[in-house]
């Protein structure tokens, strides 16, 4: 039971960390290029 909770916790933490990295890369890409910001404004 405890080992399962540990595995689940590790899985969730690694997944959240992965999402944060993807978000930072996406934000840096949007901020660096004006075309992407224009596209997001038009789409939003």
C-alpha atoms as a PDB file:
ATOM      1  CA  UNK A   1       0.000   0.000   0.000  1.00  0.00           C
ATOM      2  CA  UNK A   2       2.748   2.448   1.000  1.00  0.00           C
ATOM      3  CA  UNK A   3       4.862   1.503  -2.019  1.00  0.00           C
ATOM      4  CA  UNK A   4       1.880   2.110  -4.301  1.00  0.00           C
ATOM      5  CA  UNK A   5       1.321   5.547  -2.772  1.00  0.00           C
ATOM      6  CA  UNK A   6       5.020   6.334  -3.221  1.00  0.00           C
ATOM      7  CA  UNK A   7       4.882   5.277  -6.883  1.00  0.00           C
ATOM      8  CA  UNK A   8       1.724   7.318  -7.448  1.00  0.00           C
ATOM      9  CA  UNK A   9       3.265  10.377  -5.760  1.00  0.00           C
ATOM     10  CA  UNK A  10       6.448  10.069  -7.828  1.00  0.00           C
ATOM     11  CA  UNK A  11       4.387   9.677 -11.017  1.00  0.00           C
ATOM     12  CA  UNK A  12       2.283  12.774 -10.275  1.00  0.00           C
ATOM     13  CA  UNK A  13       5.311  14.889  -9.325  1.00  0.00           C
ATOM     14  CA  UNK A  14       7.238  13.895 -12.457  1.00  0.00           C
ATOM     15  CA  UNK A  15       4.150  14.561 -14.612  1.00  0.00           C
ATOM     16  CA  UNK A  16       3.650  18.029 -13.103  1.00  0.00           C
ATOM     17  CA  UNK A  17       7.364  18.783 -13.538  1.00  0.00           C
ATOM     18  CA  UNK A  18       7.091  17.706 -17.190  1.00  0.00           C
ATOM     19  CA  UNK A  19       4.073  19.971 -17.717  1.00  0.00           C
ATOM     20  CA  UNK A  20       5.915  22.925 -16.148  1.00  0.00           C
ATOM     21  CA  UNK A  21       8.883  22.400 -18.495  1.00  0.00           C
ATOM     22  CA  UNK A  22       6.566  22.194 -21.531  1.00  0.00           C
ATOM     23  CA  UNK A  23       4.772  25.346 -20.385  1.00  0.00           C
ATOM     24  CA  UNK A  24       8.029  27.268 -19.950  1.00  0.00           C
ATOM     25  CA  UNK A  25       9.248  26.189 -23.406  1.00  0.00           C
ATOM     26  CA  UNK A  26       5.907  27.184 -24.931  1.00  0.00           C
ATOM     27  CA  UNK A  27       5.915  30.563 -23.196  1.00  0.00           C
ATOM     28  CA  UNK A  28       9.491  31.312 -24.279  1.00  0.00           C
ATOM     29  CA  UNK A  29       8.606  30.360 -27.866  1.00  0.00           C
ATOM     30  CA  UNK A  30       5.517  32.609 -27.855  1.00  0.00           C
ATOM     31  CA  UNK A  31       7.392  35.524 -26.271  1.00  0.00           C
ATOM     32  CA  UNK A  32      10.366  35.286 -28.665  1.00  0.00           C
ATOM     33  CA  UNK A  33       8.356  35.255 -31.904  1.00  0.00           C
ATOM     34  CA  UNK A  34       5.799  37.973 -32.737  1.00  0.00           C
ATOM     35  CA  UNK A  35       3.986  35.756 -35.236  1.00  0.00           C
ATOM     36  CA  UNK A  36       2.945  33.304 -32.527  1.00  0.00           C
ATOM     37  CA  UNK A  37       1.616  36.088 -30.291  1.00  0.00           C
ATOM     38  CA  UNK A  38      -0.422  37.440 -33.214  1.00  0.00           C
ATOM     39  CA  UNK A  39      -1.804  33.973 -33.934  1.00  0.00           C
ATOM     40  CA  UNK A  40      -2.788  33.411 -30.314  1.00  0.00           C
ATOM     41  CA  UNK A  41      -4.477  36.834 -30.185  1.00  0.00           C
ATOM     42  CA  UNK A  42      -6.412  36.087 -33.389  1.00  0.00           C
ATOM     43  CA  UNK A  43      -7.389  32.622 -32.162  1.00  0.00           C
ATOM     44  CA  UNK A  44      -8.263  33.801 -28.655  1.00  0.00           C
END
